[in-house]
Amino acid sequence: PLGPVCSMGIMMTLLSAAGSPYLRLRPTSQGAWAVETAVVSCALRDRASGSRLTVDLFSTVHLASGEYYAGIKDACTARYERVLFEMIADGSCFERGADGARRLVRPLQASDQQRVLAAQYGLTAQMDALDLCGDPFVHSDMLSAELGEAASSLATGGPLLDRAAEALGGLVRGASAPGTGAAARVPLRLAAWALPAPELLLLLDDWIASGGASPAPALRPIARAALRGDFAAARSLALAQTLAQGDRSQGRTVAGEMVRQRNARAVEEVGRAAAAGCSRVALLFGALHMRDMRQLLARRFDLEAASISEWRTAWLIGSPPSAGGTPGG
């Protein structure tokens, strides 16, 4: 079954009907569901120099089909002068070039935990499939030591950690409208973890307790897949919908604050790329980064226009294996 953190995300987000503008779960004409990531093109003007550049917010997910990552590599190398990517790693994995940009010195591999999670869904971990060495790829994220220091400065108690503790408790207690008897539901929720797809029962319990909140569009196909015994499809749909809703659930959390700090570092690198004369730049980051990333770009530059230029299929759910995973919208 899904781990507690991922399942907690499902409980917190599946009841919301509004999706992310950077990642979506779309029904196809063949009866499958496509998990798709957006490429949003932003036309920017540098306030200092007056020069113009296009920055594409190239959303990704970190588990997908191998074909998806091959398509990303091809598109990035063909389109852009500089591709600014996210990666939390030790400083020894990078070197700075004469232009001051930090690049990978060797390909990195996914952790065992990432591979196990990917295998549960029949997917591939990004670190194993997407080689980001060499031009035009430039590291534009915090180093692991920097991230650790930043996280330590936040982990001092107060409202952020109070919210985290409350969310973890909610995984067991569930969401409750007044008078729904949350304590009486705890044994049921604990017993759900013995089922092949505990997410479905927990989701149904939360929906009843919420008083009938508007469900996400994927709720019906999740239920249908579980009822016919296709638990793999039900869990894949739940994972995809959780990813699509995730950027709306960060709020004032430690994780959300870390995303904002990492995004600020990336926007600094956009400024360096502009100063170096680059006119076509991509930010290759997870979809959860992009809402805040766009806001930071609009503060640093004049944002003259922004639009979705394409959707790329990360993987397909409920389709024959031979039909899945080709990139493109």
Protein backbone atom coordinates (compact mmCIF):
# COMPACT_ATOMS: atom_id res chain seq x y z
CA PRO A 1 0.00 0.00 0.00
CA LEU A 2 0.94 3.64 -0.23
CA GLY A 3 3.02 5.02 2.62
CA PRO A 4 1.44 7.24 5.30
CA VAL A 5 2.76 10.52 3.86
CA CYS A 6 1.41 9.87 0.37
CA SER A 7 -1.90 8.59 1.75
CA MET A 8 -2.20 11.65 3.98
CA GLY A 9 -1.81 13.77 0.85
CA ILE A 10 -4.60 11.84 -0.83
CA MET A 11 -6.93 12.46 2.10
CA MET A 12 -6.10 16.17 2.16
CA THR A 13 -6.46 16.82 -1.58
CA LEU A 14 -8.83 14.39 -3.32
CA LEU A 15 -11.92 16.17 -1.98
CA SER A 16 -11.01 19.37 -3.81
CA ALA A 17 -12.36 19.67 -7.35
CA ALA A 18 -9.95 22.39 -8.53
CA GLY A 19 -6.72 21.15 -10.12
CA SER A 20 -3.22 22.46 -10.65
CA PRO A 21 -2.53 24.57 -13.76
CA TYR A 22 0.78 22.72 -14.16
CA LEU A 23 -0.24 19.07 -13.76
CA ARG A 24 -3.54 17.42 -14.63
CA LEU A 25 -5.30 14.08 -14.80
CA ARG A 26 -7.22 13.91 -18.10
CA PRO A 27 -9.62 11.24 -19.40
CA THR A 28 -8.73 10.07 -22.92
CA SER A 29 -11.02 9.02 -25.74
CA GLN A 30 -9.80 5.42 -25.33
CA GLY A 31 -11.13 5.18 -21.77
CA ALA A 32 -7.74 5.63 -20.10
CA TRP A 33 -6.49 8.50 -17.94
CA ALA A 34 -3.44 10.56 -18.89
CA VAL A 35 -1.21 12.16 -16.25
CA GLU A 36 0.07 15.29 -17.97
CA THR A 37 2.53 18.06 -17.10
CA ALA A 38 2.43 21.56 -18.59
CA VAL A 39 5.03 23.70 -20.26
CA VAL A 40 4.14 27.36 -19.56
CA SER A 41 5.98 29.96 -21.65
CA CYS A 42 6.65 33.30 -19.95
CA ALA A 43 7.75 36.33 -21.97
CA LEU A 44 9.92 38.42 -19.66
CA ARG A 45 11.68 41.77 -19.79
CA ASP A 46 14.74 42.38 -17.64
CA ARG A 47 14.13 45.64 -15.79
CA ALA A 48 17.84 46.36 -15.41
CA SER A 49 18.98 45.88 -19.01
CA GLY A 50 15.71 46.09 -20.91
CA SER A 51 16.54 42.83 -22.70
CA ARG A 52 13.82 40.27 -23.34
CA LEU A 53 13.87 36.52 -22.83
CA THR A 54 11.46 33.61 -22.82
CA VAL A 55 11.46 31.38 -19.75
CA ASP A 56 9.52 28.13 -19.99
CA LEU A 57 8.21 26.65 -16.76
CA PHE A 58 8.84 23.03 -17.77
CA SER A 59 6.86 21.07 -15.17
CA THR A 60 7.86 17.50 -14.38
CA VAL A 61 6.97 14.62 -12.09
CA HIS A 62 9.69 12.51 -10.51
CA LEU A 63 8.05 9.17 -11.35
CA ALA A 64 6.88 8.57 -14.92
CA SER A 65 7.45 6.47 -18.02
CA GLY A 66 10.90 6.23 -19.56
CA GLU A 67 9.54 7.69 -22.81
CA TYR A 68 8.39 10.78 -20.95
CA TYR A 69 11.91 11.51 -19.72
CA ALA A 70 13.44 10.78 -23.14
CA GLY A 71 11.06 13.35 -24.64
CA ILE A 72 12.04 15.92 -22.02
CA LYS A 73 15.74 15.43 -22.77
CA ASP A 74 15.19 15.81 -26.52
CA ALA A 75 13.06 18.93 -26.10
CA CYS A 76 15.46 20.61 -23.67
CA THR A 77 18.56 20.05 -25.78
CA ALA A 78 16.82 21.24 -28.96
CA ARG A 79 15.03 24.34 -27.67
CA TYR A 80 17.01 26.09 -24.98
CA GLU A 81 20.31 27.85 -24.43
CA ARG A 82 20.15 27.07 -20.73
CA VAL A 83 18.02 24.55 -18.78
CA LEU A 84 17.94 25.26 -15.06
CA PHE A 85 17.14 22.07 -13.16
CA GLU A 86 16.32 21.07 -9.61
CA MET A 87 18.35 18.50 -7.70
CA ILE A 88 19.22 18.12 -4.03
CA ALA A 89 22.74 16.68 -3.92
CA ASP A 90 26.14 17.17 -2.34
CA GLY A 91 28.39 19.90 -3.66
CA SER A 92 30.93 17.29 -4.81
CA CYS A 93 28.49 16.23 -7.55
CA PHE A 94 28.92 19.57 -9.35
CA GLU A 95 31.59 21.84 -10.74
CA ARG A 96 31.46 25.48 -11.77
CA GLY A 97 32.40 26.39 -15.31
CA ALA A 98 34.10 29.52 -16.58
CA ASP A 99 30.65 31.11 -16.91
CA GLY A 100 29.99 30.57 -13.20
CA ALA A 101 27.25 28.02 -13.83
CA ARG A 102 27.16 24.83 -11.76
CA ARG A 103 26.92 21.56 -13.73
CA LEU A 104 26.81 17.87 -12.88
CA VAL A 105 30.14 16.07 -13.16
CA ARG A 106 28.55 12.63 -13.49
CA PRO A 107 25.06 11.13 -13.80
CA LEU A 108 23.34 10.34 -10.50
CA GLN A 109 21.07 7.40 -9.74
CA ALA A 110 17.80 7.08 -7.89
CA SER A 111 17.77 5.81 -4.33
CA ASP A 112 16.51 2.33 -3.51
CA GLN A 113 13.41 3.89 -1.94
CA GLN A 114 12.64 5.84 -5.12
CA ARG A 115 13.03 2.70 -7.23
CA VAL A 116 10.76 0.67 -4.98
CA LEU A 117 8.09 3.38 -5.13
CA ALA A 118 8.39 3.62 -8.92
CA ALA A 119 8.14 -0.16 -9.27
CA GLN A 120 4.90 -0.20 -7.27
CA TYR A 121 3.29 1.82 -10.06
CA GLY A 122 5.16 0.33 -13.01
CA LEU A 123 7.04 3.61 -13.55
CA THR A 124 10.63 4.84 -13.73
CA ALA A 125 12.42 7.17 -11.33
CA GLN A 126 13.54 10.41 -12.94
CA MET A 127 17.09 10.10 -11.61
CA ASP A 128 17.52 6.80 -13.47
CA ALA A 129 16.07 8.01 -16.77
CA LEU A 130 17.02 11.66 -17.24
CA ASP A 131 20.73 12.46 -17.71
CA LEU A 132 21.30 16.12 -16.87
CA CYS A 133 25.05 16.26 -17.48
CA GLY A 134 26.58 18.74 -19.90
CA ASP A 135 25.07 21.67 -21.79
CA PRO A 136 22.49 23.13 -21.71
CA PHE A 137 21.80 21.84 -18.18
CA VAL A 138 22.71 24.03 -15.19
CA HIS A 139 22.06 23.18 -11.55
CA SER A 140 19.82 25.85 -10.02
CA ASP A 141 18.86 24.44 -6.65
CA MET A 142 20.11 24.38 -3.08
CA LEU A 143 22.84 21.91 -2.15
CA SER A 144 21.94 19.25 0.38
CA ALA A 145 23.96 20.96 3.12
CA GLU A 146 22.24 24.29 2.43
CA LEU A 147 18.84 22.67 2.49
CA GLY A 148 19.65 20.96 5.79
CA GLU A 149 20.65 24.26 7.36
CA ALA A 150 17.52 25.97 6.09
CA ALA A 151 15.30 23.15 7.37
CA SER A 152 16.98 23.27 10.79
CA SER A 153 16.28 26.99 11.06
CA LEU A 154 12.58 26.29 10.48
CA ALA A 155 12.29 23.27 12.80
CA THR A 156 12.02 25.28 16.01
CA GLY A 157 8.36 24.72 16.83
CA GLY A 158 5.54 27.18 16.40
CA PRO A 159 2.68 27.31 13.88
CA LEU A 160 4.40 25.39 11.08
CA LEU A 161 5.15 22.32 13.18
CA ASP A 162 1.77 22.57 14.89
CA ARG A 163 0.14 22.27 11.48
CA ALA A 164 2.30 19.27 10.59
CA ALA A 165 1.37 17.49 13.82
CA GLU A 166 -2.29 18.25 13.24
CA ALA A 167 -2.12 16.84 9.70
CA LEU A 168 -0.46 13.62 10.89
CA GLY A 169 -3.11 13.22 13.55
CA GLY A 170 -5.76 13.75 10.91
CA LEU A 171 -4.51 10.69 9.03
CA VAL A 172 -5.79 8.55 11.90
CA ARG A 173 -8.73 10.64 13.08
CA GLY A 174 -9.92 11.76 9.63
CA ALA A 175 -11.60 14.96 8.56
CA SER A 176 -14.67 15.78 10.58
CA ALA A 177 -17.64 18.06 10.35
CA PRO A 178 -19.15 19.03 13.74
CA GLY A 179 -20.91 16.15 15.41
CA THR A 180 -19.52 13.35 13.22
CA GLY A 181 -17.85 11.42 16.05
CA ALA A 182 -14.20 11.42 14.97
CA ALA A 183 -13.04 9.33 17.93
CA ALA A 184 -15.47 6.53 17.09
CA ARG A 185 -14.04 6.33 13.55
CA VAL A 186 -10.42 5.71 14.61
CA PRO A 187 -10.68 1.86 14.75
CA LEU A 188 -12.22 1.79 11.27
CA ARG A 189 -9.46 3.97 9.85
CA LEU A 190 -6.71 1.89 11.43
CA ALA A 191 -8.29 -1.31 10.09
CA ALA A 192 -8.32 0.18 6.57
CA TRP A 193 -4.54 -0.27 6.32
CA ALA A 194 -5.01 -4.03 6.16
CA LEU A 195 -6.87 -3.70 2.82
CA PRO A 196 -5.24 -3.85 -0.63
CA ALA A 197 -6.21 -0.21 -1.37
CA PRO A 198 -6.76 1.58 1.98
CA GLU A 199 -6.97 4.95 0.25
CA LEU A 200 -10.49 4.24 -1.02
CA LEU A 201 -12.03 3.49 2.39
CA LEU A 202 -10.21 6.40 4.04
CA LEU A 203 -11.33 8.72 1.28
CA LEU A 204 -14.94 7.58 1.57
CA ASP A 205 -14.84 8.04 5.35
CA ASP A 206 -13.46 11.57 4.98
CA TRP A 207 -16.07 12.43 2.35
CA ILE A 208 -18.93 11.27 4.61
CA ALA A 209 -17.48 13.14 7.60
CA SER A 210 -17.04 16.32 5.54
CA GLY A 211 -20.78 16.51 5.00
CA GLY A 212 -20.57 15.78 1.27
CA ALA A 213 -17.79 18.03 -0.02
CA SER A 214 -17.45 18.30 -3.79
CA PRO A 215 -15.31 15.33 -4.87
CA ALA A 216 -12.48 15.47 -7.38
CA PRO A 217 -13.30 14.30 -10.94
CA ALA A 218 -11.10 11.21 -10.52
CA LEU A 219 -13.04 9.90 -7.51
CA ARG A 220 -15.56 7.89 -9.57
CA PRO A 221 -12.95 6.07 -11.71
CA ILE A 222 -10.91 5.37 -8.54
CA ALA A 223 -13.99 3.79 -6.96
CA ARG A 224 -14.86 1.83 -10.12
CA ALA A 225 -11.32 0.45 -10.42
CA ALA A 226 -11.30 -0.62 -6.77
CA LEU A 227 -14.72 -2.25 -7.01
CA ARG A 228 -13.68 -4.37 -9.98
CA GLY A 229 -10.53 -5.42 -8.10
CA ASP A 230 -8.08 -3.36 -10.20
CA PHE A 231 -6.26 -1.96 -7.18
CA ALA A 232 -3.18 -1.03 -9.21
CA ALA A 233 -5.24 1.35 -11.36
CA ALA A 234 -7.07 2.73 -8.31
CA ARG A 235 -3.81 3.52 -6.53
CA SER A 236 -2.24 5.02 -9.66
CA LEU A 237 -5.25 7.29 -10.13
CA ALA A 238 -5.11 8.33 -6.47
CA LEU A 239 -1.40 9.10 -6.77
CA ALA A 240 -1.91 11.13 -9.95
CA GLN A 241 -4.79 13.15 -8.49
CA THR A 242 -2.78 13.83 -5.34
CA LEU A 243 0.09 15.18 -7.45
CA ALA A 244 -2.32 17.35 -9.43
CA GLN A 245 -3.74 18.85 -6.24
CA GLY A 246 -0.50 19.09 -4.26
CA ASP A 247 0.42 22.72 -4.89
CA ARG A 248 -2.85 23.82 -3.28
CA SER A 249 -2.15 21.92 -0.05
CA GLN A 250 1.28 23.32 0.87
CA GLY A 251 0.20 26.62 2.43
CA ARG A 252 2.23 27.66 5.46
CA THR A 253 4.07 24.39 5.97
CA VAL A 254 7.75 23.59 6.41
CA ALA A 255 7.71 21.81 3.05
CA GLY A 256 6.07 24.81 1.38
CA GLU A 257 8.64 27.19 2.84
CA MET A 258 11.47 25.00 1.60
CA VAL A 259 9.97 25.02 -1.90
CA ARG A 260 9.85 28.82 -1.82
CA GLN A 261 13.50 29.09 -0.76
CA ARG A 262 14.59 26.69 -3.49
CA ASN A 263 12.54 28.62 -6.04
CA ALA A 264 14.22 31.85 -5.03
CA ARG A 265 17.59 30.25 -5.80
CA ALA A 266 16.32 29.17 -9.22
CA VAL A 267 15.09 32.66 -10.10
CA GLU A 268 18.54 34.01 -9.19
CA GLU A 269 19.93 31.65 -11.84
CA VAL A 270 17.42 32.98 -14.37
CA GLY A 271 18.88 36.42 -13.72
CA ARG A 272 22.39 35.10 -14.35
CA ALA A 273 21.25 33.47 -17.57
CA ALA A 274 19.73 36.75 -18.72
CA ALA A 275 22.93 38.60 -17.87
CA ALA A 276 24.86 36.05 -19.94
CA GLY A 277 22.73 36.91 -22.97
CA CYS A 278 20.45 33.85 -22.99
CA SER A 279 17.11 34.44 -24.67
CA ARG A 280 15.59 30.92 -24.35
CA VAL A 281 15.68 29.42 -20.85
CA ALA A 282 13.79 26.56 -19.20
CA LEU A 283 13.12 25.91 -15.52
CA LEU A 284 12.98 22.11 -15.24
CA PHE A 285 11.31 21.66 -11.85
CA GLY A 286 8.56 19.60 -10.31
CA ALA A 287 5.03 20.84 -10.94
CA LEU A 288 4.59 21.74 -7.25
CA HIS A 289 7.23 24.46 -7.64
CA MET A 290 5.66 26.28 -10.55
CA ARG A 291 2.89 28.38 -9.02
CA ASP A 292 5.32 30.13 -6.68
CA MET A 293 8.05 30.16 -9.36
CA ARG A 294 5.86 32.19 -11.69
CA GLN A 295 5.11 34.69 -8.93
CA LEU A 296 8.82 35.12 -8.20
CA LEU A 297 9.59 35.65 -11.89
CA ALA A 298 6.91 38.35 -12.04
CA ARG A 299 8.59 40.16 -9.13
CA ARG A 300 12.08 39.93 -10.60
CA PHE A 301 11.14 40.71 -14.24
CA ASP A 302 8.33 42.39 -16.14
CA LEU A 303 6.03 39.51 -17.08
CA GLU A 304 4.64 40.54 -20.47
CA ALA A 305 2.78 37.33 -21.33
CA ALA A 306 2.33 33.77 -20.11
CA SER A 307 0.51 30.82 -21.64
CA ILE A 308 0.53 27.02 -21.70
CA SER A 309 2.44 25.99 -24.81
CA GLU A 310 1.95 22.22 -24.45
CA TRP A 311 0.97 19.32 -22.22
CA ARG A 312 3.27 16.28 -22.02
CA THR A 313 2.03 12.81 -21.01
CA ALA A 314 3.94 11.42 -18.03
CA TRP A 315 2.07 8.09 -18.05
CA LEU A 316 -1.26 6.50 -18.89
CA ILE A 317 -3.53 4.61 -16.47
CA GLY A 318 -5.94 1.92 -17.56
CA SER A 319 -4.56 1.39 -21.05
CA PRO A 320 -2.69 -1.50 -22.71
CA PRO A 321 1.05 -1.42 -21.85
CA SER A 322 1.99 -0.88 -25.51
CA ALA A 323 -0.01 2.36 -25.68
CA GLY A 324 1.46 4.16 -22.66
CA GLY A 325 3.86 6.93 -21.99
CA THR A 326 4.59 8.74 -25.24
CA PRO A 327 5.51 12.37 -24.67
CA GLY A 328 3.46 15.20 -25.97
CA GLY A 329 0.04 16.79 -25.46
